[in-house]
Amino acid sequence: MGRSKAEYPKRLPLKLKASRIKLNLTQEKMYEALKEEGASLYPGYISLYELGERLPSLLVLLAYSRVSQIPMEYFVDDNLEFPLSDNK
């Protein structure tokens, strides 16, 4: 029995980048913010996440959610529009 490649949200890389830009953070500052939330990652991962070359763990996604104050569901559900307005 073989393993197939896991499915993942196609829009996740764009949503991760959009959340960082909305927060007006550089990739380095986003890394620092995620680390403060307890995420375990390396600085270069932010770029890889945004390019879709690496998938963040669930705990890293949770940290993104907490930093951006956007429910985690919006990151992972491609059918949900990303709430980027200033009306939170």
N, C-alpha and C. Protein backbone atom coordinates (compact mmCIF):
# COMPACT_ATOMS: atom_id res chain seq x y z
N MET A 1 0.84 -1.17 0.00
CA MET A 1 0.00 0.00 0.00
C MET A 1 0.89 1.24 0.00
N GLY A 2 0.76 2.06 -1.04
CA GLY A 2 1.59 3.26 -1.18
C GLY A 2 0.94 4.47 -0.54
N ARG A 3 1.73 5.46 -0.41
CA ARG A 3 1.23 6.73 0.13
C ARG A 3 1.09 7.72 -1.00
N SER A 4 -0.04 8.39 -1.02
CA SER A 4 -0.21 9.45 -2.01
C SER A 4 0.19 10.76 -1.35
N LYS A 5 0.48 11.73 -2.18
CA LYS A 5 0.86 13.05 -1.67
C LYS A 5 -0.34 13.67 -0.96
N ALA A 6 -0.10 14.21 0.20
CA ALA A 6 -1.16 14.81 0.99
C ALA A 6 -1.74 16.04 0.30
N GLU A 7 -3.03 16.23 0.45
CA GLU A 7 -3.67 17.42 -0.08
C GLU A 7 -3.37 18.59 0.85
N TYR A 8 -3.30 19.76 0.29
CA TYR A 8 -3.07 20.96 1.09
C TYR A 8 -3.81 22.12 0.44
N PRO A 9 -4.08 23.16 1.18
CA PRO A 9 -4.80 24.32 0.62
C PRO A 9 -3.96 25.01 -0.45
N LYS A 10 -4.51 25.14 -1.63
CA LYS A 10 -3.78 25.74 -2.76
C LYS A 10 -3.49 27.22 -2.54
N ARG A 11 -4.37 27.91 -1.82
CA ARG A 11 -4.21 29.35 -1.62
C ARG A 11 -3.42 29.69 -0.35
N LEU A 12 -2.98 28.68 0.38
CA LEU A 12 -2.28 28.91 1.63
C LEU A 12 -1.06 29.81 1.47
N PRO A 13 -0.18 29.57 0.50
CA PRO A 13 1.00 30.45 0.38
C PRO A 13 0.63 31.93 0.21
N LEU A 14 -0.38 32.20 -0.61
CA LEU A 14 -0.80 33.59 -0.83
C LEU A 14 -1.41 34.19 0.44
N LYS A 15 -2.15 33.38 1.18
CA LYS A 15 -2.77 33.87 2.41
C LYS A 15 -1.71 34.15 3.48
N LEU A 16 -0.71 33.32 3.56
CA LEU A 16 0.36 33.56 4.53
C LEU A 16 1.09 34.86 4.22
N LYS A 17 1.39 35.06 2.95
CA LYS A 17 2.07 36.30 2.54
C LYS A 17 1.18 37.51 2.77
N ALA A 18 -0.10 37.37 2.43
CA ALA A 18 -1.04 38.48 2.60
C ALA A 18 -1.16 38.88 4.07
N SER A 19 -1.16 37.89 4.96
CA SER A 19 -1.27 38.22 6.39
C SER A 19 -0.03 38.97 6.86
N ARG A 20 1.14 38.57 6.39
CA ARG A 20 2.38 39.25 6.77
C ARG A 20 2.39 40.68 6.25
N ILE A 21 2.00 40.85 5.00
CA ILE A 21 1.99 42.19 4.40
C ILE A 21 0.96 43.08 5.10
N LYS A 22 -0.20 42.51 5.42
CA LYS A 22 -1.23 43.28 6.13
C LYS A 22 -0.72 43.77 7.48
N LEU A 23 0.11 42.97 8.12
CA LEU A 23 0.69 43.34 9.40
C LEU A 23 1.89 44.29 9.24
N ASN A 24 2.26 44.53 7.98
CA ASN A 24 3.39 45.40 7.66
C ASN A 24 4.69 44.89 8.27
N LEU A 25 4.91 43.58 8.16
CA LEU A 25 6.09 42.93 8.71
C LEU A 25 6.99 42.41 7.59
N THR A 26 8.28 42.52 7.79
CA THR A 26 9.21 41.84 6.90
C THR A 26 9.17 40.35 7.22
N GLN A 27 9.79 39.56 6.39
CA GLN A 27 9.85 38.12 6.68
C GLN A 27 10.59 37.87 7.99
N GLU A 28 11.63 38.66 8.24
CA GLU A 28 12.38 38.49 9.48
C GLU A 28 11.53 38.83 10.70
N LYS A 29 10.76 39.90 10.61
CA LYS A 29 9.90 40.29 11.73
C LYS A 29 8.76 39.29 11.93
N MET A 30 8.25 38.72 10.82
CA MET A 30 7.22 37.70 10.94
C MET A 30 7.78 36.46 11.63
N TYR A 31 8.99 36.10 11.28
CA TYR A 31 9.67 34.99 11.94
C TYR A 31 9.74 35.23 13.45
N GLU A 32 10.15 36.42 13.84
CA GLU A 32 10.27 36.76 15.26
C GLU A 32 8.91 36.70 15.95
N ALA A 33 7.87 37.20 15.29
CA ALA A 33 6.53 37.18 15.87
C ALA A 33 6.03 35.75 16.05
N LEU A 34 6.30 34.91 15.05
CA LEU A 34 5.87 33.51 15.14
C LEU A 34 6.62 32.78 16.25
N LYS A 35 7.91 33.07 16.38
CA LYS A 35 8.70 32.46 17.45
C LYS A 35 8.16 32.87 18.82
N GLU A 36 7.75 34.12 18.95
CA GLU A 36 7.18 34.59 20.23
C GLU A 36 5.90 33.84 20.58
N GLU A 37 5.20 33.35 19.56
CA GLU A 37 3.98 32.56 19.78
C GLU A 37 4.29 31.08 19.99
N GLY A 38 5.57 30.74 20.01
CA GLY A 38 5.97 29.37 20.29
C GLY A 38 6.18 28.48 19.08
N ALA A 39 6.14 29.06 17.88
CA ALA A 39 6.34 28.26 16.68
C ALA A 39 7.80 27.83 16.56
N SER A 40 7.99 26.61 16.12
CA SER A 40 9.33 26.07 15.91
C SER A 40 9.63 26.08 14.42
N LEU A 41 10.49 27.00 14.00
CA LEU A 41 10.83 27.13 12.59
C LEU A 41 12.14 27.87 12.44
N TYR A 42 12.66 27.88 11.22
CA TYR A 42 13.89 28.60 10.89
C TYR A 42 13.52 29.87 10.12
N PRO A 43 14.36 30.91 10.17
CA PRO A 43 14.03 32.18 9.50
C PRO A 43 13.70 32.02 8.01
N GLY A 44 14.42 31.17 7.31
CA GLY A 44 14.20 31.00 5.88
C GLY A 44 12.90 30.32 5.51
N TYR A 45 12.23 29.74 6.49
CA TYR A 45 10.96 29.04 6.22
C TYR A 45 9.86 29.99 5.77
N ILE A 46 9.88 31.23 6.24
CA ILE A 46 8.82 32.17 5.88
C ILE A 46 8.75 32.31 4.36
N SER A 47 9.88 32.49 3.73
CA SER A 47 9.92 32.60 2.27
C SER A 47 9.43 31.32 1.61
N LEU A 48 9.86 30.19 2.13
CA LEU A 48 9.45 28.91 1.55
C LEU A 48 7.95 28.68 1.70
N TYR A 49 7.38 29.10 2.83
CA TYR A 49 5.93 28.99 3.02
C TYR A 49 5.20 29.85 1.99
N GLU A 50 5.68 31.07 1.81
CA GLU A 50 5.01 32.01 0.91
C GLU A 50 5.16 31.61 -0.56
N LEU A 51 6.19 30.87 -0.88
CA LEU A 51 6.38 30.38 -2.24
C LEU A 51 5.71 29.03 -2.48
N GLY A 52 5.18 28.44 -1.43
CA GLY A 52 4.54 27.13 -1.55
C GLY A 52 5.52 25.99 -1.67
N GLU A 53 6.77 26.23 -1.29
CA GLU A 53 7.80 25.20 -1.38
C GLU A 53 7.93 24.38 -0.10
N ARG A 54 7.28 24.84 0.94
CA ARG A 54 7.28 24.13 2.22
C ARG A 54 5.94 24.40 2.89
N LEU A 55 5.40 23.37 3.53
CA LEU A 55 4.14 23.51 4.24
C LEU A 55 4.39 23.74 5.72
N PRO A 56 3.76 24.75 6.30
CA PRO A 56 3.93 24.96 7.73
C PRO A 56 3.21 23.86 8.52
N SER A 57 3.73 23.56 9.69
CA SER A 57 3.06 22.61 10.56
C SER A 57 1.78 23.23 11.10
N LEU A 58 0.95 22.42 11.72
CA LEU A 58 -0.27 22.95 12.33
C LEU A 58 0.05 23.96 13.42
N LEU A 59 1.10 23.72 14.17
CA LEU A 59 1.47 24.66 15.22
C LEU A 59 1.97 25.99 14.66
N VAL A 60 2.64 25.95 13.53
CA VAL A 60 3.07 27.19 12.88
C VAL A 60 1.84 27.93 12.34
N LEU A 61 0.89 27.19 11.75
CA LEU A 61 -0.35 27.84 11.29
C LEU A 61 -1.10 28.47 12.45
N LEU A 62 -1.11 27.80 13.58
CA LEU A 62 -1.76 28.36 14.75
C LEU A 62 -1.07 29.66 15.17
N ALA A 63 0.23 29.69 15.10
CA ALA A 63 0.97 30.92 15.43
C ALA A 63 0.64 32.03 14.43
N TYR A 64 0.56 31.70 13.14
CA TYR A 64 0.16 32.70 12.14
C TYR A 64 -1.22 33.25 12.50
N SER A 65 -2.12 32.37 12.88
CA SER A 65 -3.47 32.77 13.23
C SER A 65 -3.47 33.72 14.42
N ARG A 66 -2.68 33.41 15.42
CA ARG A 66 -2.63 34.25 16.61
C ARG A 66 -1.97 35.59 16.34
N VAL A 67 -0.89 35.58 15.57
CA VAL A 67 -0.18 36.83 15.26
C VAL A 67 -1.07 37.75 14.43
N SER A 68 -1.76 37.18 13.44
CA SER A 68 -2.58 37.99 12.54
C SER A 68 -3.99 38.24 13.07
N GLN A 69 -4.37 37.52 14.13
CA GLN A 69 -5.72 37.59 14.69
C GLN A 69 -6.78 37.23 13.65
N ILE A 70 -6.43 36.25 12.83
CA ILE A 70 -7.34 35.71 11.81
C ILE A 70 -7.55 34.24 12.14
N PRO A 71 -8.80 33.78 12.23
CA PRO A 71 -9.04 32.38 12.54
C PRO A 71 -8.29 31.44 11.59
N MET A 72 -7.74 30.38 12.15
CA MET A 72 -6.95 29.43 11.38
C MET A 72 -7.73 28.86 10.19
N GLU A 73 -9.02 28.75 10.34
CA GLU A 73 -9.87 28.22 9.28
C GLU A 73 -9.70 28.99 7.97
N TYR A 74 -9.51 30.30 8.06
CA TYR A 74 -9.36 31.11 6.86
C TYR A 74 -8.07 30.79 6.10
N PHE A 75 -7.06 30.37 6.83
CA PHE A 75 -5.81 29.99 6.16
C PHE A 75 -5.97 28.70 5.37
N VAL A 76 -6.72 27.75 5.92
CA VAL A 76 -6.74 26.41 5.33
C VAL A 76 -7.93 26.13 4.42
N ASP A 77 -8.95 26.95 4.45
CA ASP A 77 -10.12 26.72 3.60
C ASP A 77 -10.03 27.61 2.37
N ASP A 78 -9.74 26.99 1.23
CA ASP A 78 -9.61 27.74 -0.02
C ASP A 78 -10.92 28.41 -0.45
N ASN A 79 -12.05 27.96 0.09
CA ASN A 79 -13.34 28.53 -0.28
C ASN A 79 -13.69 29.78 0.51
N LEU A 80 -12.93 30.07 1.54
CA LEU A 80 -13.19 31.26 2.34
C LEU A 80 -12.32 32.41 1.86
N GLU A 81 -12.96 33.55 1.71
CA GLU A 81 -12.21 34.76 1.37
C GLU A 81 -11.43 35.19 2.59
N PHE A 82 -10.27 35.68 2.38
CA PHE A 82 -9.38 36.06 3.47
C PHE A 82 -9.79 37.41 4.03
N PRO A 83 -10.02 37.52 5.33
CA PRO A 83 -10.48 38.78 5.93
C PRO A 83 -9.32 39.75 6.15
N LEU A 84 -9.08 40.58 5.17
CA LEU A 84 -7.94 41.50 5.27
C LEU A 84 -8.34 42.94 5.48
N SER A 85 -9.61 43.17 5.70
CA SER A 85 -10.03 44.56 5.93
C SER A 85 -9.59 45.00 7.32
N ASP A 86 -9.61 46.30 7.54
CA ASP A 86 -9.23 46.84 8.85
C ASP A 86 -10.36 46.69 9.86
N ASN A 87 -11.52 46.24 9.42
CA ASN A 87 -12.68 46.07 10.32
C ASN A 87 -12.62 44.69 10.94
N LYS A 88 -11.96 44.55 12.08
CA LYS A 88 -11.85 43.24 12.71
C LYS A 88 -12.88 43.08 13.79
